């Protein structure tokens, strides 16, 4: 998925995962930022590097959950 596809899917209420179901992309209303959250320990990293363009992870590793 591209960065725009990831953001659009999350904003549309879909569950976007990274690598496995343990990592979910979340949008934070207060900060207006996206992050990747590990569900097992609640640790998170930004969806992108500081440049706002380079994704933390490979585009092909992101997918929309089958449960949506």
C-alpha atoms as a PDB file:
ATOM      1  CA  UNK A   1       0.000   0.000   0.000  1.00  0.00           C
ATOM      2  CA  UNK A   2       1.171   3.524  -0.656  1.00  0.00           C
ATOM      3  CA  UNK A   3       1.308   6.137   2.085  1.00  0.00           C
ATOM      4  CA  UNK A   4      -1.815   7.817   0.710  1.00  0.00           C
ATOM      5  CA  UNK A   5      -3.675   4.486   0.550  1.00  0.00           C
ATOM      6  CA  UNK A   6      -2.755   3.713   4.162  1.00  0.00           C
ATOM      7  CA  UNK A   7      -3.871   7.123   5.409  1.00  0.00           C
ATOM      8  CA  UNK A   8      -7.106   7.051   3.422  1.00  0.00           C
ATOM      9  CA  UNK A   9      -7.995   3.572   4.653  1.00  0.00           C
ATOM     10  CA  UNK A  10      -7.354   4.464   8.296  1.00  0.00           C
ATOM     11  CA  UNK A  11      -9.369   7.676   8.024  1.00  0.00           C
ATOM     12  CA  UNK A  12     -12.195   5.665   6.420  1.00  0.00           C
ATOM     13  CA  UNK A  13     -12.326   3.488   9.530  1.00  0.00           C
ATOM     14  CA  UNK A  14     -10.566   0.448   8.102  1.00  0.00           C
ATOM     15  CA  UNK A  15      -7.999  -1.503  10.117  1.00  0.00           C
ATOM     16  CA  UNK A  16      -4.604  -1.264   8.424  1.00  0.00           C
ATOM     17  CA  UNK A  17      -2.007  -3.687   9.702  1.00  0.00           C
ATOM     18  CA  UNK A  18       1.751  -3.920   9.212  1.00  0.00           C
ATOM     19  CA  UNK A  19       3.468  -7.293   8.851  1.00  0.00           C
ATOM     20  CA  UNK A  20       0.981  -9.063  11.174  1.00  0.00           C
ATOM     21  CA  UNK A  21      -2.199  -8.510  13.129  1.00  0.00           C
ATOM     22  CA  UNK A  22      -0.047  -7.391  16.085  1.00  0.00           C
ATOM     23  CA  UNK A  23       0.810  -4.045  14.429  1.00  0.00           C
ATOM     24  CA  UNK A  24      -1.968  -1.579  13.598  1.00  0.00           C
ATOM     25  CA  UNK A  25      -1.818   1.882  12.024  1.00  0.00           C
ATOM     26  CA  UNK A  26      -3.624   4.462  14.164  1.00  0.00           C
ATOM     27  CA  UNK A  27      -4.509   8.117  13.626  1.00  0.00           C
ATOM     28  CA  UNK A  28      -4.280  10.491  16.567  1.00  0.00           C
ATOM     29  CA  UNK A  29      -6.791  13.343  16.384  1.00  0.00           C
ATOM     30  CA  UNK A  30      -4.959  15.591  18.854  1.00  0.00           C
ATOM     31  CA  UNK A  31      -1.576  15.468  17.105  1.00  0.00           C
ATOM     32  CA  UNK A  32      -2.970  14.864  13.586  1.00  0.00           C
ATOM     33  CA  UNK A  33      -0.351  12.141  13.118  1.00  0.00           C
ATOM     34  CA  UNK A  34      -0.330   8.476  12.146  1.00  0.00           C
ATOM     35  CA  UNK A  35       1.591   5.813  14.016  1.00  0.00           C
ATOM     36  CA  UNK A  36       2.169   2.077  13.980  1.00  0.00           C
ATOM     37  CA  UNK A  37       1.117   0.580  17.314  1.00  0.00           C
ATOM     38  CA  UNK A  38       2.187  -2.813  18.646  1.00  0.00           C
ATOM     39  CA  UNK A  39      -0.917  -4.300  20.261  1.00  0.00           C
ATOM     40  CA  UNK A  40       1.010  -6.626  22.590  1.00  0.00           C
ATOM     41  CA  UNK A  41       2.905  -3.852  24.423  1.00  0.00           C
ATOM     42  CA  UNK A  42       1.326  -0.577  23.179  1.00  0.00           C
ATOM     43  CA  UNK A  43       4.701   0.648  21.866  1.00  0.00           C
ATOM     44  CA  UNK A  44       4.412   2.867  18.813  1.00  0.00           C
ATOM     45  CA  UNK A  45       6.512   4.459  16.098  1.00  0.00           C
ATOM     46  CA  UNK A  46       5.571   7.056  13.518  1.00  0.00           C
ATOM     47  CA  UNK A  47       4.094   5.799  10.278  1.00  0.00           C
ATOM     48  CA  UNK A  48       6.761   7.807   8.473  1.00  0.00           C
ATOM     49  CA  UNK A  49      10.219   9.133   9.120  1.00  0.00           C
ATOM     50  CA  UNK A  50      10.559  12.783  10.107  1.00  0.00           C
ATOM     51  CA  UNK A  51      10.399  13.756   6.435  1.00  0.00           C
ATOM     52  CA  UNK A  52       6.701  12.775   6.455  1.00  0.00           C
ATOM     53  CA  UNK A  53       7.137  10.791   3.242  1.00  0.00           C
ATOM     54  CA  UNK A  54       9.330   7.743   3.905  1.00  0.00           C
ATOM     55  CA  UNK A  55       7.256   4.910   5.405  1.00  0.00           C
ATOM     56  CA  UNK A  56       8.588   2.925   8.381  1.00  0.00           C
ATOM     57  CA  UNK A  57       8.297  -0.410   6.638  1.00  0.00           C
ATOM     58  CA  UNK A  58       7.919  -1.575   3.082  1.00  0.00           C
ATOM     59  CA  UNK A  59       4.698  -0.627   1.263  1.00  0.00           C
ATOM     60  CA  UNK A  60       3.971  -4.286   0.486  1.00  0.00           C
ATOM     61  CA  UNK A  61       4.009  -5.108   4.241  1.00  0.00           C
ATOM     62  CA  UNK A  62       0.865  -3.050   4.909  1.00  0.00           C
ATOM     63  CA  UNK A  63      -2.579  -4.553   4.407  1.00  0.00           C
ATOM     64  CA  UNK A  64      -6.209  -3.990   5.305  1.00  0.00           C
ATOM     65  CA  UNK A  65      -7.510  -6.437   7.880  1.00  0.00           C
ATOM     66  CA  UNK A  66      -9.892  -9.120   6.632  1.00  0.00           C
ATOM     67  CA  UNK A  67     -12.210  -8.344   9.536  1.00  0.00           C
ATOM     68  CA  UNK A  68     -13.333  -5.042   7.896  1.00  0.00           C
END
